[in-house]
C-alpha cells in the first residue's frame, strides 16, 4: 500500500467518527489478465445537510504498463426529498494517458429516510446496503451530467478531447424488492471514430464493477435487489454498453449480495464481462464498509 493510499485511509478514519454520521468502505477486485483493483470510499457529515465523500481507486492488469491511481472528491447537499451532488477526480498520467473529470447530479426521493451515505437505490449515491426510504415503498429519480477530459500522448501528436455523459436514473421499491435503471448517452467535442489514437485506457461504466477501456456511446444498467431476508440482500445486475472506434458492444452480468451486521456491511460479487472480438473476462469483488450514525 503506497503512502497516498495510507494517508487517505487514516484521514478518512479520523474524520468519520468525529462527524455526526459517516462511512468508510473498502472493495478489492481481482480477475482475468491478473486484474487487480482497490477502491476506498469514505463519507462524513459537515452538518445536517452537507456531506463530503473522498474516494481513491488503484487499478492494474498485465497489459496496462503501469498502475492507475484515481483520486476523487464528492460533495452532497440534501434538504427534504431533494439532494444535489458535485464531484471531481484526477487520474495522473500512466502509459502516456491521463484524465480529469467533473460532474453534478440531482436526485428526488419519495419517502426519503435513512442516510445520505450511499443508500439511494440508484445514481451516484447508491451502493450502500440500505436503500433510502421508510416502509414498504420508496422511489428515487434523478439526472446527472459529467465531463471527462481525455489527454493521450501515445501517438506522434498529443490528443485531447472532452467527453460529456448525460444520464437519467430511477429506482422503485415495492414490498421487499428494489428495481432500478440507469441510462447514459455520451457526446464528444471531436469525432472519436476518426481522431482518437486508441480506446481510452481507463473507463468507469455505471453498473460494471471492473475498470474497462474504450470511448462509450450509449449504455444502460438494470438492477434487481431483494430485501426479504433480514440480513442477506442478494442482487443481480445487467449492463449493456456500445462504443466508438468500431469496438463491439459489451455485456456485463453481475451476481452478488450484501450482508448487514449493524454498523458493518459486507459485500461479495461475481461479474462476467463479454465483448465480441476479445476474450470474456471474469471478476470477483469482496468488500466491507462501516457506517457511523447518519
C-alpha atoms as a PDB file:
ATOM      1  CA  UNK A   1       0.000   0.000   0.000  1.00  0.00           C
ATOM      2  CA  UNK A   2       1.552   3.314  -1.036  1.00  0.00           C
ATOM      3  CA  UNK A   3       1.803   6.414   1.146  1.00  0.00           C
ATOM      4  CA  UNK A   4      -1.066   8.198  -0.601  1.00  0.00           C
ATOM      5  CA  UNK A   5      -3.443   5.290  -0.049  1.00  0.00           C
ATOM      6  CA  UNK A   6      -2.438   5.009   3.610  1.00  0.00           C
ATOM      7  CA  UNK A   7      -2.831   8.745   4.208  1.00  0.00           C
ATOM      8  CA  UNK A   8      -6.306   8.801   2.658  1.00  0.00           C
ATOM      9  CA  UNK A   9      -7.428   5.858   4.788  1.00  0.00           C
ATOM     10  CA  UNK A  10      -6.096   7.417   8.005  1.00  0.00           C
ATOM     11  CA  UNK A  11      -7.649  10.831   7.334  1.00  0.00           C
ATOM     12  CA  UNK A  12     -10.997   9.302   6.452  1.00  0.00           C
ATOM     13  CA  UNK A  13     -10.960   7.122   9.566  1.00  0.00           C
ATOM     14  CA  UNK A  14     -10.230  10.155  11.750  1.00  0.00           C
ATOM     15  CA  UNK A  15     -12.855  12.332  10.089  1.00  0.00           C
ATOM     16  CA  UNK A  16     -15.757   9.901  10.069  1.00  0.00           C
ATOM     17  CA  UNK A  17     -16.177   9.209  13.799  1.00  0.00           C
ATOM     18  CA  UNK A  18     -15.829  12.921  14.581  1.00  0.00           C
ATOM     19  CA  UNK A  19     -18.739  13.779  12.338  1.00  0.00           C
ATOM     20  CA  UNK A  20     -22.448  13.329  13.074  1.00  0.00           C
ATOM     21  CA  UNK A  21     -22.546  10.468  10.604  1.00  0.00           C
ATOM     22  CA  UNK A  22     -20.355   8.848   8.013  1.00  0.00           C
ATOM     23  CA  UNK A  23     -18.974   5.719   6.446  1.00  0.00           C
ATOM     24  CA  UNK A  24     -15.701   4.076   5.460  1.00  0.00           C
ATOM     25  CA  UNK A  25     -15.512   1.295   2.871  1.00  0.00           C
ATOM     26  CA  UNK A  26     -13.009  -0.865   1.003  1.00  0.00           C
ATOM     27  CA  UNK A  27     -13.581  -3.015  -2.122  1.00  0.00           C
ATOM     28  CA  UNK A  28     -10.969  -5.401  -3.514  1.00  0.00           C
ATOM     29  CA  UNK A  29     -11.395  -6.893  -7.009  1.00  0.00           C
ATOM     30  CA  UNK A  30      -9.381  -9.439  -8.973  1.00  0.00           C
ATOM     31  CA  UNK A  31      -9.895 -11.360 -12.198  1.00  0.00           C
ATOM     32  CA  UNK A  32      -8.837 -12.189 -15.770  1.00  0.00           C
ATOM     33  CA  UNK A  33      -5.438 -10.958 -17.057  1.00  0.00           C
ATOM     34  CA  UNK A  34      -4.218 -10.538 -13.492  1.00  0.00           C
ATOM     35  CA  UNK A  35      -6.760  -7.755 -12.962  1.00  0.00           C
ATOM     36  CA  UNK A  36      -6.451  -6.056  -9.577  1.00  0.00           C
ATOM     37  CA  UNK A  37      -8.242  -3.012  -8.230  1.00  0.00           C
ATOM     38  CA  UNK A  38      -8.678  -1.445  -4.809  1.00  0.00           C
ATOM     39  CA  UNK A  39     -11.366   1.128  -4.054  1.00  0.00           C
ATOM     40  CA  UNK A  40     -11.524   3.140  -0.838  1.00  0.00           C
ATOM     41  CA  UNK A  41     -14.533   5.342  -0.165  1.00  0.00           C
ATOM     42  CA  UNK A  42     -15.408   7.471   2.842  1.00  0.00           C
ATOM     43  CA  UNK A  43     -18.097   9.966   3.779  1.00  0.00           C
ATOM     44  CA  UNK A  44     -18.521  12.435   6.621  1.00  0.00           C
ATOM     45  CA  UNK A  45     -21.296  14.849   7.524  1.00  0.00           C
ATOM     46  CA  UNK A  46     -20.306  18.504   7.616  1.00  0.00           C
ATOM     47  CA  UNK A  47     -23.660  19.492   9.140  1.00  0.00           C
ATOM     48  CA  UNK A  48     -27.310  18.407   8.900  1.00  0.00           C
ATOM     49  CA  UNK A  49     -27.440  18.855   5.112  1.00  0.00           C
ATOM     50  CA  UNK A  50     -23.895  18.754   3.678  1.00  0.00           C
ATOM     51  CA  UNK A  51     -21.570  15.760   3.387  1.00  0.00           C
ATOM     52  CA  UNK A  52     -18.133  15.183   1.830  1.00  0.00           C
ATOM     53  CA  UNK A  53     -17.081  11.901   0.219  1.00  0.00           C
ATOM     54  CA  UNK A  54     -13.463  11.294  -0.865  1.00  0.00           C
ATOM     55  CA  UNK A  55     -12.503   8.201  -2.847  1.00  0.00           C
ATOM     56  CA  UNK A  56      -9.406   6.515  -4.210  1.00  0.00           C
ATOM     57  CA  UNK A  57      -9.102   3.776  -6.869  1.00  0.00           C
ATOM     58  CA  UNK A  58      -5.965   1.804  -7.720  1.00  0.00           C
ATOM     59  CA  UNK A  59      -6.049  -0.406 -10.829  1.00  0.00           C
ATOM     60  CA  UNK A  60      -3.705  -2.517 -12.944  1.00  0.00           C
ATOM     61  CA  UNK A  61      -3.659  -5.579 -15.211  1.00  0.00           C
ATOM     62  CA  UNK A  62      -0.889  -7.381 -17.072  1.00  0.00           C
ATOM     63  CA  UNK A  63      -1.414  -5.094 -20.111  1.00  0.00           C
ATOM     64  CA  UNK A  64      -1.726  -1.623 -18.526  1.00  0.00           C
ATOM     65  CA  UNK A  65       2.056  -0.915 -18.469  1.00  0.00           C
ATOM     66  CA  UNK A  66       1.710   0.677 -15.051  1.00  0.00           C
ATOM     67  CA  UNK A  67      -0.698   1.275 -12.201  1.00  0.00           C
ATOM     68  CA  UNK A  68      -3.536   3.789 -12.474  1.00  0.00           C
ATOM     69  CA  UNK A  69      -4.418   5.891  -9.415  1.00  0.00           C
ATOM     70  CA  UNK A  70      -7.694   7.834  -9.445  1.00  0.00           C
ATOM     71  CA  UNK A  71      -8.338  10.472  -6.736  1.00  0.00           C
ATOM     72  CA  UNK A  72     -11.813  11.936  -6.311  1.00  0.00           C
ATOM     73  CA  UNK A  73     -13.986  14.066  -4.049  1.00  0.00           C
ATOM     74  CA  UNK A  74     -17.769  14.335  -3.921  1.00  0.00           C
ATOM     75  CA  UNK A  75     -19.849  16.926  -2.033  1.00  0.00           C
ATOM     76  CA  UNK A  76     -23.589  16.489  -1.471  1.00  0.00           C
ATOM     77  CA  UNK A  77     -26.392  18.625  -0.071  1.00  0.00           C
ATOM     78  CA  UNK A  78     -29.689  17.023   0.962  1.00  0.00           C
ATOM     79  CA  UNK A  79     -32.765  19.006   2.021  1.00  0.00           C
ATOM     80  CA  UNK A  80     -36.000  17.084   2.358  1.00  0.00           C
ATOM     81  CA  UNK A  81     -36.621  14.898  -0.693  1.00  0.00           C
ATOM     82  CA  UNK A  82     -34.045  16.722  -2.878  1.00  0.00           C
ATOM     83  CA  UNK A  83     -30.312  16.011  -2.932  1.00  0.00           C
ATOM     84  CA  UNK A  84     -27.645  17.661  -5.096  1.00  0.00           C
ATOM     85  CA  UNK A  85     -24.139  16.359  -5.685  1.00  0.00           C
ATOM     86  CA  UNK A  86     -20.929  17.791  -7.144  1.00  0.00           C
ATOM     87  CA  UNK A  87     -17.781  15.786  -7.799  1.00  0.00           C
ATOM     88  CA  UNK A  88     -14.396  15.840  -9.436  1.00  0.00           C
ATOM     89  CA  UNK A  89     -11.469  13.476  -9.922  1.00  0.00           C
ATOM     90  CA  UNK A  90      -7.911  13.372 -11.251  1.00  0.00           C
ATOM     91  CA  UNK A  91      -6.158  10.425 -12.913  1.00  0.00           C
ATOM     92  CA  UNK A  92      -2.393  11.171 -13.230  1.00  0.00           C
ATOM     93  CA  UNK A  93      -0.507  10.067 -16.342  1.00  0.00           C
ATOM     94  CA  UNK A  94       0.178   6.371 -16.903  1.00  0.00           C
ATOM     95  CA  UNK A  95       1.348   4.946 -20.231  1.00  0.00           C
ATOM     96  CA  UNK A  96       1.039   8.444 -21.820  1.00  0.00           C
ATOM     97  CA  UNK A  97      -2.652   8.803 -20.868  1.00  0.00           C
ATOM     98  CA  UNK A  98      -4.334  10.938 -18.201  1.00  0.00           C
ATOM     99  CA  UNK A  99      -7.797  12.303 -17.460  1.00  0.00           C
ATOM    100  CA  UNK A 100      -9.716  14.720 -15.285  1.00  0.00           C
ATOM    101  CA  UNK A 101     -13.432  14.531 -14.552  1.00  0.00           C
ATOM    102  CA  UNK A 102     -16.140  16.751 -13.067  1.00  0.00           C
ATOM    103  CA  UNK A 103     -19.892  16.458 -12.687  1.00  0.00           C
ATOM    104  CA  UNK A 104     -23.157  17.302 -10.950  1.00  0.00           C
ATOM    105  CA  UNK A 105     -26.410  15.464 -10.281  1.00  0.00           C
ATOM    106  CA  UNK A 106     -29.887  15.939  -8.819  1.00  0.00           C
ATOM    107  CA  UNK A 107     -31.992  13.237  -7.107  1.00  0.00           C
ATOM    108  CA  UNK A 108     -35.576  13.388  -5.868  1.00  0.00           C
ATOM    109  CA  UNK A 109     -36.613  10.744  -3.328  1.00  0.00           C
ATOM    110  CA  UNK A 110     -40.180   9.832  -2.430  1.00  0.00           C
ATOM    111  CA  UNK A 111     -40.467   8.789   1.230  1.00  0.00           C
ATOM    112  CA  UNK A 112     -36.843   9.763   1.970  1.00  0.00           C
ATOM    113  CA  UNK A 113     -35.192   8.367   5.055  1.00  0.00           C
ATOM    114  CA  UNK A 114     -32.146   6.529   6.291  1.00  0.00           C
ATOM    115  CA  UNK A 115     -28.819   8.189   5.460  1.00  0.00           C
ATOM    116  CA  UNK A 116     -27.152  10.188   2.715  1.00  0.00           C
ATOM    117  CA  UNK A 117     -24.116   7.920   2.713  1.00  0.00           C
ATOM    118  CA  UNK A 118     -24.604   5.677  -0.299  1.00  0.00           C
ATOM    119  CA  UNK A 119     -28.097   4.460   0.490  1.00  0.00           C
ATOM    120  CA  UNK A 120     -30.071   5.503  -2.580  1.00  0.00           C
ATOM    121  CA  UNK A 121     -31.401   2.769  -4.861  1.00  0.00           C
ATOM    122  CA  UNK A 122     -29.656   4.160  -7.950  1.00  0.00           C
ATOM    123  CA  UNK A 123     -27.480   7.045  -9.086  1.00  0.00           C
ATOM    124  CA  UNK A 124     -24.193   8.430  -7.743  1.00  0.00           C
ATOM    125  CA  UNK A 125     -25.217   7.984  -4.088  1.00  0.00           C
ATOM    126  CA  UNK A 126     -26.205   4.331  -4.424  1.00  0.00           C
ATOM    127  CA  UNK A 127     -24.066   1.415  -3.354  1.00  0.00           C
ATOM    128  CA  UNK A 128     -24.873   1.052   0.325  1.00  0.00           C
ATOM    129  CA  UNK A 129     -26.630  -1.921   1.805  1.00  0.00           C
ATOM    130  CA  UNK A 130     -29.774   0.006   2.735  1.00  0.00           C
ATOM    131  CA  UNK A 131     -31.810   1.869   0.142  1.00  0.00           C
ATOM    132  CA  UNK A 132     -33.300   5.160   1.198  1.00  0.00           C
ATOM    133  CA  UNK A 133     -36.932   5.247   2.202  1.00  0.00           C
ATOM    134  CA  UNK A 134     -39.136   4.132   5.034  1.00  0.00           C
ATOM    135  CA  UNK A 135     -41.841   1.492   4.988  1.00  0.00           C
ATOM    136  CA  UNK A 136     -42.631  -0.867   2.142  1.00  0.00           C
ATOM    137  CA  UNK A 137     -42.487   1.585  -0.777  1.00  0.00           C
ATOM    138  CA  UNK A 138     -39.947   4.186  -1.878  1.00  0.00           C
ATOM    139  CA  UNK A 139     -38.627   5.726  -5.084  1.00  0.00           C
ATOM    140  CA  UNK A 140     -35.575   7.675  -6.296  1.00  0.00           C
ATOM    141  CA  UNK A 141     -35.393   9.564  -9.604  1.00  0.00           C
ATOM    142  CA  UNK A 142     -32.684  11.827 -10.940  1.00  0.00           C
ATOM    143  CA  UNK A 143     -30.431  13.191 -13.654  1.00  0.00           C
ATOM    144  CA  UNK A 144     -26.651  13.608 -13.881  1.00  0.00           C
ATOM    145  CA  UNK A 145     -24.139  15.334 -16.114  1.00  0.00           C
ATOM    146  CA  UNK A 146     -20.421  14.524 -16.150  1.00  0.00           C
ATOM    147  CA  UNK A 147     -17.456  15.761 -18.134  1.00  0.00           C
ATOM    148  CA  UNK A 148     -14.218  13.844 -18.753  1.00  0.00           C
ATOM    149  CA  UNK A 149     -11.101  15.462 -20.230  1.00  0.00           C
ATOM    150  CA  UNK A 150      -9.016  12.806 -22.017  1.00  0.00           C
ATOM    151  CA  UNK A 151      -5.338  13.513 -22.758  1.00  0.00           C
ATOM    152  CA  UNK A 152      -3.451  10.907 -24.831  1.00  0.00           C
ATOM    153  CA  UNK A 153       0.158  11.264 -25.963  1.00  0.00           C
ATOM    154  CA  UNK A 154       0.527   7.750 -27.374  1.00  0.00           C
ATOM    155  CA  UNK A 155       0.591   8.965 -30.988  1.00  0.00           C
ATOM    156  CA  UNK A 156       3.016  11.378 -32.689  1.00  0.00           C
ATOM    157  CA  UNK A 157       0.711  14.286 -31.794  1.00  0.00           C
ATOM    158  CA  UNK A 158      -0.962  14.940 -28.443  1.00  0.00           C
ATOM    159  CA  UNK A 159      -4.685  14.181 -28.440  1.00  0.00           C
ATOM    160  CA  UNK A 160      -7.221  15.971 -26.223  1.00  0.00           C
ATOM    161  CA  UNK A 161     -10.993  15.548 -26.222  1.00  0.00           C
ATOM    162  CA  UNK A 162     -13.859  16.411 -23.868  1.00  0.00           C
ATOM    163  CA  UNK A 163     -16.462  13.726 -23.216  1.00  0.00           C
ATOM    164  CA  UNK A 164     -19.918  14.662 -21.905  1.00  0.00           C
ATOM    165  CA  UNK A 165     -22.034  11.980 -20.222  1.00  0.00           C
ATOM    166  CA  UNK A 166     -25.744  12.723 -19.771  1.00  0.00           C
ATOM    167  CA  UNK A 167     -27.674  10.309 -17.554  1.00  0.00           C
ATOM    168  CA  UNK A 168     -31.158   9.645 -16.220  1.00  0.00           C
ATOM    169  CA  UNK A 169     -31.894   7.128 -13.487  1.00  0.00           C
ATOM    170  CA  UNK A 170     -34.691   5.797 -11.346  1.00  0.00           C
ATOM    171  CA  UNK A 171     -35.314   3.237  -8.620  1.00  0.00           C
ATOM    172  CA  UNK A 172     -38.502   1.810  -7.161  1.00  0.00           C
ATOM    173  CA  UNK A 173     -39.076  -0.300  -4.076  1.00  0.00           C
ATOM    174  CA  UNK A 174     -42.234  -2.357  -3.803  1.00  0.00           C
ATOM    175  CA  UNK A 175     -42.622  -4.553  -0.748  1.00  0.00           C
ATOM    176  CA  UNK A 176     -39.240  -6.308  -0.461  1.00  0.00           C
ATOM    177  CA  UNK A 177     -37.858  -5.718  -3.956  1.00  0.00           C
ATOM    178  CA  UNK A 178     -35.742  -2.851  -5.342  1.00  0.00           C
ATOM    179  CA  UNK A 179     -35.757  -2.361  -9.124  1.00  0.00           C
ATOM    180  CA  UNK A 180     -33.518   0.325 -10.663  1.00  0.00           C
ATOM    181  CA  UNK A 181     -32.345   1.538 -14.063  1.00  0.00           C
ATOM    182  CA  UNK A 182     -29.585   3.919 -15.217  1.00  0.00           C
ATOM    183  CA  UNK A 183     -29.202   5.178 -18.825  1.00  0.00           C
ATOM    184  CA  UNK A 184     -26.295   7.254 -20.228  1.00  0.00           C
ATOM    185  CA  UNK A 185     -25.618   8.911 -23.585  1.00  0.00           C
ATOM    186  CA  UNK A 186     -22.094  10.167 -24.282  1.00  0.00           C
ATOM    187  CA  UNK A 187     -21.089  13.017 -26.617  1.00  0.00           C
ATOM    188  CA  UNK A 188     -17.651  14.310 -27.643  1.00  0.00           C
ATOM    189  CA  UNK A 189     -16.110  17.556 -28.860  1.00  0.00           C
ATOM    190  CA  UNK A 190     -14.360  15.633 -31.677  1.00  0.00           C
ATOM    191  CA  UNK A 191     -15.273  12.778 -33.976  1.00  0.00           C
ATOM    192  CA  UNK A 192     -13.857   9.907 -31.928  1.00  0.00           C
ATOM    193  CA  UNK A 193     -14.070   7.393 -34.765  1.00  0.00           C
ATOM    194  CA  UNK A 194     -11.709   9.388 -36.991  1.00  0.00           C
ATOM    195  CA  UNK A 195      -9.467  11.171 -34.481  1.00  0.00           C
ATOM    196  CA  UNK A 196      -8.770   9.048 -31.378  1.00  0.00           C
ATOM    197  CA  UNK A 197      -5.417   7.188 -31.480  1.00  0.00           C
ATOM    198  CA  UNK A 198      -6.722   4.287 -29.336  1.00  0.00           C
ATOM    199  CA  UNK A 199      -9.569   3.398 -26.939  1.00  0.00           C
ATOM    200  CA  UNK A 200      -9.351   5.280 -23.653  1.00  0.00           C
ATOM    201  CA  UNK A 201      -7.286   3.036 -21.324  1.00  0.00           C
ATOM    202  CA  UNK A 202      -9.329   3.901 -18.204  1.00  0.00           C
ATOM    203  CA  UNK A 203     -13.132   3.712 -18.250  1.00  0.00           C
ATOM    204  CA  UNK A 204     -15.708   3.568 -15.475  1.00  0.00           C
ATOM    205  CA  UNK A 205     -19.035   2.168 -16.680  1.00  0.00           C
ATOM    206  CA  UNK A 206     -22.022   2.533 -14.391  1.00  0.00           C
ATOM    207  CA  UNK A 207     -23.135  -0.930 -13.292  1.00  0.00           C
ATOM    208  CA  UNK A 208     -19.801  -2.565 -14.188  1.00  0.00           C
ATOM    209  CA  UNK A 209     -17.574  -3.252 -11.211  1.00  0.00           C
ATOM    210  CA  UNK A 210     -14.301  -3.544 -13.138  1.00  0.00           C
ATOM    211  CA  UNK A 211     -12.356  -0.765 -14.866  1.00  0.00           C
ATOM    212  CA  UNK A 212     -12.611  -1.199 -18.657  1.00  0.00           C
ATOM    213  CA  UNK A 213     -11.314   0.529 -21.813  1.00  0.00           C
ATOM    214  CA  UNK A 214     -12.974   2.489 -24.629  1.00  0.00           C
ATOM    215  CA  UNK A 215     -14.986   5.555 -25.607  1.00  0.00           C
ATOM    216  CA  UNK A 216     -18.642   4.742 -24.784  1.00  0.00           C
ATOM    217  CA  UNK A 217     -21.637   5.824 -26.858  1.00  0.00           C
ATOM    218  CA  UNK A 218     -24.813   4.585 -25.111  1.00  0.00           C
ATOM    219  CA  UNK A 219     -25.141   2.437 -22.018  1.00  0.00           C
ATOM    220  CA  UNK A 220     -27.761   1.207 -19.616  1.00  0.00           C
ATOM    221  CA  UNK A 221     -27.800  -0.763 -16.379  1.00  0.00           C
ATOM    222  CA  UNK A 222     -30.696  -2.738 -14.866  1.00  0.00           C
ATOM    223  CA  UNK A 223     -30.547  -3.983 -11.281  1.00  0.00           C
ATOM    224  CA  UNK A 224     -32.836  -6.111  -9.121  1.00  0.00           C
ATOM    225  CA  UNK A 225     -32.309  -6.464  -5.377  1.00  0.00           C
ATOM    226  CA  UNK A 226     -34.264  -8.483  -2.822  1.00  0.00           C
ATOM    227  CA  UNK A 227     -34.744  -7.327   0.782  1.00  0.00           C
ATOM    228  CA  UNK A 228     -36.885 -10.196   2.072  1.00  0.00           C
ATOM    229  CA  UNK A 229     -34.203 -11.807   4.216  1.00  0.00           C
ATOM    230  CA  UNK A 230     -33.363  -9.959   7.461  1.00  0.00           C
ATOM    231  CA  UNK A 231     -29.573  -9.799   6.985  1.00  0.00           C
ATOM    232  CA  UNK A 232     -28.673 -11.003   3.466  1.00  0.00           C
ATOM    233  CA  UNK A 233     -29.715  -8.959   0.420  1.00  0.00           C
ATOM    234  CA  UNK A 234     -28.913 -10.681  -2.920  1.00  0.00           C
ATOM    235  CA  UNK A 235     -28.951  -8.777  -6.219  1.00  0.00           C
ATOM    236  CA  UNK A 236     -28.475  -9.247  -9.941  1.00  0.00           C
ATOM    237  CA  UNK A 237     -27.313  -6.578 -12.407  1.00  0.00           C
ATOM    238  CA  UNK A 238     -27.060  -6.386 -16.204  1.00  0.00           C
ATOM    239  CA  UNK A 239     -25.183  -3.613 -18.044  1.00  0.00           C
ATOM    240  CA  UNK A 240     -25.006  -3.089 -21.825  1.00  0.00           C
ATOM    241  CA  UNK A 241     -22.690  -0.539 -23.472  1.00  0.00           C
ATOM    242  CA  UNK A 242     -21.972   0.448 -27.093  1.00  0.00           C
ATOM    243  CA  UNK A 243     -18.647   2.003 -28.126  1.00  0.00           C
ATOM    244  CA  UNK A 244     -16.894   4.109 -30.763  1.00  0.00           C
ATOM    245  CA  UNK A 245     -13.790   3.117 -32.786  1.00  0.00           C
ATOM    246  CA  UNK A 246     -15.527   0.013 -34.109  1.00  0.00           C
ATOM    247  CA  UNK A 247     -15.490  -1.773 -30.760  1.00  0.00           C
ATOM    248  CA  UNK A 248     -18.252  -4.318 -30.257  1.00  0.00           C
ATOM    249  CA  UNK A 249     -20.952  -3.730 -27.618  1.00  0.00           C
ATOM    250  CA  UNK A 250     -20.253  -5.157 -24.177  1.00  0.00           C
ATOM    251  CA  UNK A 251     -22.485  -7.054 -21.778  1.00  0.00           C
ATOM    252  CA  UNK A 252     -21.803  -7.377 -18.062  1.00  0.00           C
ATOM    253  CA  UNK A 253     -23.755  -9.685 -15.782  1.00  0.00           C
ATOM    254  CA  UNK A 254     -23.174  -9.479 -12.056  1.00  0.00           C
ATOM    255  CA  UNK A 255     -24.471 -11.650  -9.210  1.00  0.00           C
ATOM    256  CA  UNK A 256     -23.824 -10.594  -5.652  1.00  0.00           C
ATOM    257  CA  UNK A 257     -25.112  -9.909  -2.208  1.00  0.00           C
ATOM    258  CA  UNK A 258     -24.631  -7.776   0.854  1.00  0.00           C
ATOM    259  CA  UNK A 259     -24.781  -8.803   4.496  1.00  0.00           C
ATOM    260  CA  UNK A 260     -25.824  -6.196   7.044  1.00  0.00           C
ATOM    261  CA  UNK A 261     -24.454  -6.673  10.560  1.00  0.00           C
ATOM    262  CA  UNK A 262     -25.376  -3.455  12.302  1.00  0.00           C
ATOM    263  CA  UNK A 263     -22.622  -0.936  11.575  1.00  0.00           C
ATOM    264  CA  UNK A 264     -20.798  -3.426   9.351  1.00  0.00           C
ATOM    265  CA  UNK A 265     -21.845  -4.236   5.766  1.00  0.00           C
ATOM    266  CA  UNK A 266     -20.078  -6.999   3.811  1.00  0.00           C
ATOM    267  CA  UNK A 267     -20.304  -7.425   0.023  1.00  0.00           C
ATOM    268  CA  UNK A 268     -19.360 -10.244  -2.341  1.00  0.00           C
ATOM    269  CA  UNK A 269     -19.998 -10.378  -6.111  1.00  0.00           C
ATOM    270  CA  UNK A 270     -19.091 -12.230  -9.298  1.00  0.00           C
ATOM    271  CA  UNK A 271     -19.104 -10.431 -12.674  1.00  0.00           C
ATOM    272  CA  UNK A 272     -18.898 -11.820 -16.219  1.00  0.00           C
ATOM    273  CA  UNK A 273     -17.916  -9.286 -18.901  1.00  0.00           C
ATOM    274  CA  UNK A 274     -18.224 -10.227 -22.588  1.00  0.00           C
ATOM    275  CA  UNK A 275     -17.393  -8.302 -25.771  1.00  0.00           C
ATOM    276  CA  UNK A 276     -17.175  -9.784 -29.256  1.00  0.00           C
ATOM    277  CA  UNK A 277     -13.642  -9.881 -30.622  1.00  0.00           C
ATOM    278  CA  UNK A 278     -11.911 -10.164 -27.236  1.00  0.00           C
ATOM    279  CA  UNK A 279     -11.878 -12.944 -24.696  1.00  0.00           C
ATOM    280  CA  UNK A 280     -14.500 -12.967 -21.953  1.00  0.00           C
ATOM    281  CA  UNK A 281     -13.406 -11.625 -18.584  1.00  0.00           C
ATOM    282  CA  UNK A 282     -14.436 -12.715 -15.094  1.00  0.00           C
ATOM    283  CA  UNK A 283     -14.078 -10.760 -11.871  1.00  0.00           C
ATOM    284  CA  UNK A 284     -14.624 -11.286  -8.158  1.00  0.00           C
ATOM    285  CA  UNK A 285     -15.313  -8.437  -5.736  1.00  0.00           C
ATOM    286  CA  UNK A 286     -15.038  -8.555  -1.954  1.00  0.00           C
ATOM    287  CA  UNK A 287     -15.841  -5.503   0.123  1.00  0.00           C
ATOM    288  CA  UNK A 288     -16.741  -4.186   3.558  1.00  0.00           C
ATOM    289  CA  UNK A 289     -17.945  -0.868   4.940  1.00  0.00           C
ATOM    290  CA  UNK A 290     -18.598   0.673   8.335  1.00  0.00           C
ATOM    291  CA  UNK A 291     -21.477   3.106   8.861  1.00  0.00           C
ATOM    292  CA  UNK A 292     -21.314   5.586  11.727  1.00  0.00           C
ATOM    293  CA  UNK A 293     -24.653   7.154  12.619  1.00  0.00           C
ATOM    294  CA  UNK A 294     -26.449   9.178   9.953  1.00  0.00           C
END
